[in-house]
């Protein structure tokens, strides 16, 4: 009980900007609905709090809150004990704010919810090049490059509790991941061909069949019963979503280039 009465430092929005505040630990535990953590950040040095880092985060959050007023409600702990504990918990929700990734946690395995910007980033990373050696999950005619991303709630039948050796995974949550159905060379099909042809080529590959089998064999303990057919259907949806994301980005860039190009004199 004594622990819950002690005060801890947090960042809160006060008088038009984020500032360091002190609150009772018991006021934010059990975890408050507005409690978030900054992914990959610690706010302590050997001399105490890292005020340069704190000031940078405050400025970024204040600027982000001007465009997204709901951010004004969030509370970000600076206490190293809470940050370390949160980093080992299941991630429940992730959103991006002015270059910062903010996350909420759950004490139990849950499907990861993300905002639109984070979802786009994760989907794009499915085809990123890796430096990992060949694995059995790559077709012989393609170079061995395959990634995994955080287990998004949109694709519950694709989440696995364990990854095969050689599949690159660097993401937000240490629990549950989704193996990419294609490697970084096969993504060229998505860049140059129609969505239907891209999806069909991957579905027919022998490496994809092995990915499906791994997904069947390594479902999380709390997962609903899945079948080969549901896994394939969900992978098809994932590839269609990936295709839409990368081509939407191309269209946006083309539009920006056309609107910023100088007019040609007649």
Protein backbone atom coordinates (compact mmCIF):
# COMPACT_ATOMS: atom_id res chain seq x y z
CA UNK A 1 0.00 0.00 0.00
CA UNK A 2 2.85 2.35 0.78
CA UNK A 3 4.14 2.00 -2.79
CA UNK A 4 0.86 3.25 -4.27
CA UNK A 5 1.04 6.43 -2.18
CA UNK A 6 4.47 7.45 -3.44
CA UNK A 7 4.75 10.08 -6.16
CA UNK A 8 6.24 9.52 -9.62
CA UNK A 9 7.13 11.86 -12.47
CA UNK A 10 4.93 11.86 -15.57
CA UNK A 11 4.38 14.02 -18.63
CA UNK A 12 0.97 15.67 -18.84
CA UNK A 13 -0.63 18.40 -20.92
CA UNK A 14 -0.95 21.48 -18.71
CA UNK A 15 -1.65 25.04 -19.84
CA UNK A 16 -1.19 24.46 -23.58
CA UNK A 17 1.91 22.22 -23.46
CA UNK A 18 3.30 18.97 -22.07
CA UNK A 19 5.22 19.37 -18.82
CA UNK A 20 6.72 17.25 -16.06
CA UNK A 21 4.23 16.64 -13.25
CA UNK A 22 4.21 14.57 -10.08
CA UNK A 23 1.29 12.23 -9.40
CA UNK A 24 0.51 9.51 -6.89
CA UNK A 25 1.38 6.09 -8.26
CA UNK A 26 -2.02 4.86 -7.11
CA UNK A 27 -3.72 7.41 -9.37
CA UNK A 28 -2.43 5.69 -12.52
CA UNK A 29 -2.33 2.07 -11.31
CA UNK A 30 -4.03 -0.20 -12.18
CA UNK A 31 -3.29 1.19 -15.60
CA UNK A 32 -5.30 4.29 -16.41
CA UNK A 33 -7.09 4.37 -19.78
CA UNK A 34 -5.01 7.41 -20.72
CA UNK A 35 -1.67 5.87 -19.73
CA UNK A 36 0.80 5.58 -22.63
CA UNK A 37 4.50 4.82 -22.96
CA UNK A 38 7.00 6.07 -25.54
CA UNK A 39 8.37 3.15 -27.55
CA UNK A 40 12.13 2.77 -27.25
CA UNK A 41 12.62 5.61 -24.78
CA UNK A 42 14.14 5.81 -21.33
CA UNK A 43 14.25 9.14 -19.54
CA UNK A 44 17.04 8.55 -17.07
CA UNK A 45 20.79 9.11 -17.14
CA UNK A 46 23.42 8.25 -14.55
CA UNK A 47 22.89 11.74 -13.13
CA UNK A 48 19.09 11.52 -12.89
CA UNK A 49 16.34 12.45 -15.33
CA UNK A 50 17.38 13.10 -18.94
CA UNK A 51 15.91 16.60 -19.27
CA UNK A 52 17.13 17.07 -22.85
CA UNK A 53 15.23 13.97 -23.96
CA UNK A 54 12.20 14.96 -21.91
CA UNK A 55 12.18 18.45 -23.43
CA UNK A 56 12.37 16.98 -26.95
CA UNK A 57 9.46 14.61 -26.29
CA UNK A 58 7.40 17.43 -24.72
CA UNK A 59 7.89 19.63 -27.78
CA UNK A 60 6.94 16.84 -30.18
CA UNK A 61 3.85 15.89 -28.17
CA UNK A 62 2.73 19.50 -27.79
CA UNK A 63 2.96 20.01 -31.56
CA UNK A 64 1.11 16.74 -32.19
CA UNK A 65 -1.63 17.68 -29.72
CA UNK A 66 -2.41 20.80 -31.74
CA UNK A 67 -3.52 18.56 -34.62
CA UNK A 68 -4.92 15.75 -32.46
CA UNK A 69 -6.53 17.26 -29.33
CA UNK A 70 -7.25 13.82 -27.84
CA UNK A 71 -3.52 13.59 -27.10
CA UNK A 72 -4.01 16.24 -24.43
CA UNK A 73 -5.54 13.55 -22.19
CA UNK A 74 -2.60 11.15 -22.20
CA UNK A 75 -0.23 10.50 -19.29
CA UNK A 76 3.34 9.34 -19.95
CA UNK A 77 5.31 7.89 -17.00
CA UNK A 78 8.97 8.84 -16.68
CA UNK A 79 9.64 6.35 -13.90
CA UNK A 80 12.17 3.76 -15.04
CA UNK A 81 10.48 0.95 -13.12
CA UNK A 82 7.17 1.48 -14.91
CA UNK A 83 8.82 1.84 -18.31
CA UNK A 84 10.79 -1.40 -17.91
CA UNK A 85 7.72 -3.26 -16.71
CA UNK A 86 5.65 -1.94 -19.63
CA UNK A 87 8.28 -2.97 -22.18
CA UNK A 88 7.81 -6.59 -21.12
CA UNK A 89 4.01 -6.50 -21.29
CA UNK A 90 1.71 -7.24 -24.20
CA UNK A 91 1.12 -4.24 -26.44
CA UNK A 92 -2.58 -3.43 -26.83
CA UNK A 93 -2.57 -0.23 -28.89
CA UNK A 94 0.05 1.79 -30.76
CA UNK A 95 -0.30 5.22 -32.33
CA UNK A 96 2.19 7.59 -33.93
CA UNK A 97 2.54 11.19 -32.82
CA UNK A 98 5.01 13.49 -34.54
CA UNK A 99 7.60 10.76 -35.04
CA UNK A 100 7.01 9.14 -31.64
CA UNK A 101 5.37 5.76 -31.21
CA UNK A 102 3.09 5.73 -28.17
CA UNK A 103 1.75 2.46 -26.84
CA UNK A 104 -0.64 1.09 -24.28
CA UNK A 105 -0.23 -2.28 -22.61
CA UNK A 106 -2.30 -5.26 -21.54
CA UNK A 107 -1.52 -7.84 -18.90
CA UNK A 108 -2.98 -10.50 -21.19
CA UNK A 109 -2.36 -11.43 -24.87
CA UNK A 110 -4.58 -9.31 -27.12
CA UNK A 111 -4.73 -8.48 -30.81
CA UNK A 112 -2.59 -5.41 -31.43
CA UNK A 113 -4.65 -2.36 -32.40
CA UNK A 114 -2.83 0.44 -34.24
CA UNK A 115 -3.63 3.79 -35.80
CA UNK A 116 -3.71 4.20 -39.60
CA UNK A 117 -0.16 5.57 -39.86
CA UNK A 118 1.37 2.74 -37.83
CA UNK A 119 -0.63 0.13 -39.76
CA UNK A 120 0.69 1.50 -43.04
CA UNK A 121 4.27 1.43 -41.74
CA UNK A 122 3.94 -2.20 -40.58
CA UNK A 123 2.40 -3.37 -43.84
CA UNK A 124 5.12 -1.67 -45.89
CA UNK A 125 7.78 -3.41 -43.81
CA UNK A 126 6.53 -6.84 -44.97
CA UNK A 127 8.68 -6.50 -48.07
CA UNK A 128 11.73 -4.74 -46.64
CA UNK A 129 15.13 -6.23 -47.46
CA UNK A 130 16.96 -8.14 -44.73
CA UNK A 131 20.48 -9.43 -44.24
CA UNK A 132 19.34 -12.79 -42.92
CA UNK A 133 20.69 -16.04 -44.40
CA UNK A 134 18.58 -18.48 -46.41
CA UNK A 135 15.71 -20.27 -44.67
CA UNK A 136 13.39 -23.06 -45.74
CA UNK A 137 10.67 -20.43 -46.11
CA UNK A 138 12.16 -19.00 -49.30
CA UNK A 139 11.75 -20.31 -52.82
CA UNK A 140 14.98 -21.48 -54.44
CA UNK A 141 14.58 -19.06 -57.33
CA UNK A 142 14.41 -16.08 -54.99
CA UNK A 143 17.01 -14.70 -52.62
CA UNK A 144 16.39 -15.58 -48.96
CA UNK A 145 14.81 -12.47 -47.53
CA UNK A 146 11.72 -12.72 -45.33
CA UNK A 147 10.37 -10.61 -42.49
CA UNK A 148 7.75 -10.79 -39.77
CA UNK A 149 5.68 -7.95 -38.30
CA UNK A 150 3.71 -7.44 -35.11
CA UNK A 151 0.55 -9.55 -34.86
CA UNK A 152 -2.14 -7.08 -35.87
CA UNK A 153 -5.69 -7.64 -34.63
CA UNK A 154 -6.97 -7.41 -38.23
CA UNK A 155 -5.36 -10.77 -39.00
CA UNK A 156 -5.93 -13.02 -35.95
CA UNK A 157 -5.47 -16.28 -37.85
CA UNK A 158 -1.96 -15.30 -38.99
CA UNK A 159 -0.42 -14.66 -35.58
CA UNK A 160 2.22 -17.12 -34.42
CA UNK A 161 3.80 -17.56 -31.02
CA UNK A 162 7.21 -18.52 -32.41
CA UNK A 163 9.22 -17.58 -35.50
CA UNK A 164 11.44 -19.89 -37.55
CA UNK A 165 15.18 -19.26 -37.37
CA UNK A 166 16.26 -16.79 -40.04
CA UNK A 167 13.07 -14.74 -40.28
CA UNK A 168 13.80 -11.11 -39.42
CA UNK A 169 11.60 -9.55 -36.74
CA UNK A 170 12.08 -6.08 -35.34
CA UNK A 171 8.82 -4.60 -34.20
CA UNK A 172 6.81 -3.31 -31.27
CA UNK A 173 5.64 -6.41 -29.46
CA UNK A 174 7.65 -9.41 -28.27
CA UNK A 175 4.49 -11.54 -28.36
CA UNK A 176 2.73 -12.88 -31.46
CA UNK A 177 4.00 -12.04 -34.93
CA UNK A 178 2.91 -12.47 -38.55
CA UNK A 179 5.35 -14.01 -41.03
CA UNK A 180 5.37 -12.22 -44.37
CA UNK A 181 3.85 -14.41 -47.11
CA UNK A 182 6.50 -13.17 -49.55
CA UNK A 183 10.18 -12.24 -49.44
CA UNK A 184 11.74 -8.93 -50.42
CA UNK A 185 12.43 -10.04 -53.99
CA UNK A 186 8.89 -11.32 -54.51
CA UNK A 187 7.56 -7.90 -53.50
CA UNK A 188 8.67 -6.70 -56.95
CA UNK A 189 5.61 -8.51 -58.29
CA UNK A 190 3.46 -6.20 -56.18
CA UNK A 191 5.33 -3.18 -57.51
CA UNK A 192 5.08 -4.10 -61.20
CA UNK A 193 2.11 -6.42 -61.67
CA UNK A 194 -1.61 -6.37 -60.96
CA UNK A 195 -2.84 -7.21 -57.48
CA UNK A 196 -4.50 -10.41 -58.71
CA UNK A 197 -1.32 -11.65 -60.39
CA UNK A 198 0.84 -10.76 -57.37
CA UNK A 199 -1.45 -12.63 -54.97
CA UNK A 200 -1.84 -15.63 -57.29
CA UNK A 201 1.92 -16.03 -57.73
CA UNK A 202 2.55 -16.02 -53.98
CA UNK A 203 -0.34 -18.40 -53.20
CA UNK A 204 1.10 -20.92 -55.66
CA UNK A 205 4.68 -20.82 -54.34
CA UNK A 206 6.03 -23.76 -52.35
CA UNK A 207 7.55 -21.42 -49.76
CA UNK A 208 4.13 -19.95 -49.04
CA UNK A 209 2.75 -23.42 -48.32
CA UNK A 210 5.50 -23.85 -45.70
CA UNK A 211 4.62 -20.49 -44.17
CA UNK A 212 0.99 -21.59 -43.92
CA UNK A 213 1.98 -24.85 -42.27
CA UNK A 214 4.17 -23.02 -39.72
CA UNK A 215 1.27 -20.67 -39.00
CA UNK A 216 -0.98 -23.67 -38.38
CA UNK A 217 1.57 -25.40 -36.14
CA UNK A 218 2.47 -22.38 -33.99
CA UNK A 219 -0.81 -20.67 -33.18
CA UNK A 220 -0.81 -18.79 -29.86
CA UNK A 221 -2.32 -20.66 -26.92
CA UNK A 222 -5.30 -18.30 -26.75
CA UNK A 223 -6.00 -18.37 -30.51
CA UNK A 224 -9.30 -19.52 -31.95
CA UNK A 225 -9.32 -22.78 -33.91
CA UNK A 226 -7.93 -22.11 -37.39
CA UNK A 227 -7.87 -24.05 -40.63
CA UNK A 228 -5.55 -24.02 -43.64
CA UNK A 229 -8.31 -22.38 -45.64
CA UNK A 230 -8.87 -19.54 -43.16
CA UNK A 231 -5.11 -18.93 -42.94
CA UNK A 232 -4.80 -18.74 -46.73
CA UNK A 233 -7.82 -16.44 -46.99
CA UNK A 234 -6.40 -14.13 -44.36
CA UNK A 235 -3.00 -14.10 -46.03
CA UNK A 236 -4.74 -13.18 -49.27
CA UNK A 237 -6.38 -10.24 -47.52
CA UNK A 238 -3.02 -9.22 -46.03
CA UNK A 239 -1.41 -9.20 -49.48
CA UNK A 240 -4.27 -7.20 -50.94
CA UNK A 241 -3.94 -4.66 -48.13
CA UNK A 242 -0.17 -4.52 -48.68
CA UNK A 243 -0.68 -3.93 -52.40
CA UNK A 244 -3.15 -1.13 -51.72
CA UNK A 245 -0.80 0.57 -49.23
CA UNK A 246 2.28 0.62 -51.46
CA UNK A 247 0.35 1.84 -54.50
CA UNK A 248 -1.55 4.46 -52.51
CA UNK A 249 1.82 5.82 -51.38
CA UNK A 250 3.00 5.96 -54.99
CA UNK A 251 -0.11 7.84 -56.06
CA UNK A 252 0.32 10.33 -53.21
CA UNK A 253 3.96 10.94 -54.15
CA UNK A 254 3.05 11.36 -57.83
CA UNK A 255 0.38 13.88 -56.88
CA UNK A 256 2.83 15.81 -54.67
CA UNK A 257 5.41 15.87 -57.46
CA UNK A 258 2.87 17.16 -59.96
CA UNK A 259 1.62 19.93 -57.66
CA UNK A 260 5.12 21.11 -56.76
CA UNK A 261 6.62 21.01 -60.27
CA UNK A 262 7.13 24.47 -61.86
CA UNK A 263 4.70 25.40 -64.58
CA UNK A 264 6.02 25.07 -68.16
CA UNK A 265 5.85 28.30 -70.09
CA UNK A 266 4.10 28.16 -73.42
